[in-house]
């Protein structure tokens, strides 16, 4: 996986596309989401 610090967005549409792509990839990786929620104190509920 590429570091998020090594990208260059040429415009807002490019940045939006990259962000949507990373969110789509991360939605299948529960560890990333759990880690983010843990640091905020939030929890997931069904």
N, C-alpha and C. Protein backbone atom coordinates (compact mmCIF):
# COMPACT_ATOMS: atom_id res chain seq x y z
N UNK A 1 0.85 -1.19 0.00
CA UNK A 1 0.00 0.00 0.00
C UNK A 1 0.89 1.24 0.00
N UNK A 2 0.53 2.19 -0.83
CA UNK A 2 1.28 3.44 -0.90
C UNK A 2 0.98 4.31 0.31
N UNK A 3 1.98 5.03 0.73
CA UNK A 3 1.79 5.98 1.83
C UNK A 3 0.87 7.10 1.38
N UNK A 4 0.00 7.53 2.27
CA UNK A 4 -0.91 8.63 1.94
C UNK A 4 -0.15 9.95 1.78
N UNK A 5 1.08 9.99 2.28
CA UNK A 5 1.88 11.20 2.20
C UNK A 5 2.57 11.36 0.85
N UNK A 6 2.51 10.35 -0.01
CA UNK A 6 3.26 10.41 -1.27
C UNK A 6 2.36 10.67 -2.47
N UNK A 7 1.25 11.33 -2.29
CA UNK A 7 0.38 11.62 -3.43
C UNK A 7 0.39 13.12 -3.71
N UNK A 8 0.04 13.44 -4.93
CA UNK A 8 -0.10 14.83 -5.33
C UNK A 8 -1.43 14.97 -6.06
N UNK A 9 -2.35 15.68 -5.46
CA UNK A 9 -3.65 15.91 -6.09
C UNK A 9 -3.54 17.13 -7.00
N UNK A 10 -3.89 16.94 -8.25
CA UNK A 10 -3.77 18.05 -9.21
C UNK A 10 -4.96 19.00 -9.14
N UNK A 11 -6.10 18.50 -8.68
CA UNK A 11 -7.27 19.36 -8.52
C UNK A 11 -8.25 18.68 -7.55
N UNK A 12 -9.33 19.35 -7.26
CA UNK A 12 -10.29 18.84 -6.29
C UNK A 12 -10.93 17.54 -6.75
N UNK A 13 -11.22 17.41 -8.04
CA UNK A 13 -11.81 16.17 -8.56
C UNK A 13 -10.86 14.99 -8.37
N UNK A 14 -9.58 15.21 -8.59
CA UNK A 14 -8.58 14.15 -8.41
C UNK A 14 -8.51 13.75 -6.93
N UNK A 15 -8.48 14.73 -6.04
CA UNK A 15 -8.45 14.45 -4.61
C UNK A 15 -9.70 13.69 -4.17
N UNK A 16 -10.86 14.09 -4.68
CA UNK A 16 -12.11 13.41 -4.36
C UNK A 16 -12.07 11.96 -4.82
N UNK A 17 -11.60 11.74 -6.03
CA UNK A 17 -11.50 10.38 -6.56
C UNK A 17 -10.57 9.51 -5.74
N UNK A 18 -9.42 10.06 -5.36
CA UNK A 18 -8.47 9.29 -4.55
C UNK A 18 -9.06 8.97 -3.18
N UNK A 19 -9.75 9.93 -2.58
CA UNK A 19 -10.36 9.71 -1.27
C UNK A 19 -11.43 8.64 -1.33
N UNK A 20 -12.28 8.69 -2.34
CA UNK A 20 -13.33 7.67 -2.49
C UNK A 20 -12.73 6.29 -2.69
N UNK A 21 -11.66 6.22 -3.47
CA UNK A 21 -11.00 4.94 -3.71
C UNK A 21 -10.44 4.37 -2.40
N UNK A 22 -9.76 5.20 -1.60
CA UNK A 22 -9.18 4.71 -0.34
C UNK A 22 -10.29 4.29 0.63
N UNK A 23 -11.40 5.02 0.66
CA UNK A 23 -12.52 4.63 1.53
C UNK A 23 -13.10 3.30 1.10
N UNK A 24 -13.22 3.08 -0.21
CA UNK A 24 -13.74 1.81 -0.71
C UNK A 24 -12.82 0.66 -0.34
N UNK A 25 -11.51 0.86 -0.46
CA UNK A 25 -10.54 -0.18 -0.09
C UNK A 25 -10.61 -0.45 1.41
N UNK A 26 -10.69 0.60 2.21
CA UNK A 26 -10.68 0.44 3.66
C UNK A 26 -11.98 -0.11 4.22
N UNK A 27 -13.09 -0.02 3.51
CA UNK A 27 -14.34 -0.54 4.04
C UNK A 27 -14.29 -2.05 4.19
N UNK A 28 -13.38 -2.70 3.48
CA UNK A 28 -13.22 -4.14 3.57
C UNK A 28 -12.15 -4.53 4.57
N UNK A 29 -11.57 -3.56 5.26
CA UNK A 29 -10.53 -3.81 6.24
C UNK A 29 -11.02 -3.29 7.59
N UNK A 30 -11.70 -4.15 8.34
CA UNK A 30 -12.33 -3.73 9.60
C UNK A 30 -11.31 -3.21 10.60
N UNK A 31 -10.08 -3.67 10.55
CA UNK A 31 -9.05 -3.22 11.48
C UNK A 31 -8.78 -1.74 11.38
N UNK A 32 -8.81 -1.20 10.18
CA UNK A 32 -8.56 0.23 9.98
C UNK A 32 -9.69 1.03 10.61
N UNK A 33 -10.92 0.65 10.33
CA UNK A 33 -12.07 1.38 10.87
C UNK A 33 -12.12 1.25 12.39
N UNK A 34 -11.90 0.05 12.91
CA UNK A 34 -11.89 -0.14 14.37
C UNK A 34 -10.81 0.72 15.02
N UNK A 35 -9.64 0.79 14.40
CA UNK A 35 -8.55 1.60 14.94
C UNK A 35 -8.90 3.07 14.97
N UNK A 36 -9.54 3.55 13.91
CA UNK A 36 -9.94 4.96 13.87
C UNK A 36 -10.99 5.26 14.93
N UNK A 37 -11.96 4.36 15.07
CA UNK A 37 -13.02 4.58 16.06
C UNK A 37 -12.48 4.51 17.48
N UNK A 38 -11.53 3.63 17.72
CA UNK A 38 -10.95 3.49 19.05
C UNK A 38 -10.31 4.79 19.50
N UNK A 39 -9.60 5.45 18.60
CA UNK A 39 -8.93 6.69 18.98
C UNK A 39 -9.90 7.83 19.24
N UNK A 40 -11.12 7.75 18.70
CA UNK A 40 -12.11 8.81 18.91
C UNK A 40 -13.03 8.52 20.09
N UNK A 41 -13.03 7.25 20.54
CA UNK A 41 -13.94 6.87 21.62
C UNK A 41 -15.32 6.48 21.12
N UNK A 42 -15.53 6.47 19.79
CA UNK A 42 -16.81 6.10 19.21
C UNK A 42 -16.90 4.59 19.03
N UNK A 43 -18.12 4.06 18.92
CA UNK A 43 -18.31 2.63 18.69
C UNK A 43 -19.32 2.44 17.56
N UNK A 44 -19.24 1.27 16.93
CA UNK A 44 -20.22 0.91 15.90
C UNK A 44 -21.38 0.17 16.55
N UNK A 45 -22.60 0.49 16.13
CA UNK A 45 -23.77 -0.25 16.61
C UNK A 45 -24.59 -0.67 15.41
N UNK A 46 -25.23 -1.81 15.51
CA UNK A 46 -26.07 -2.30 14.41
C UNK A 46 -27.49 -1.83 14.57
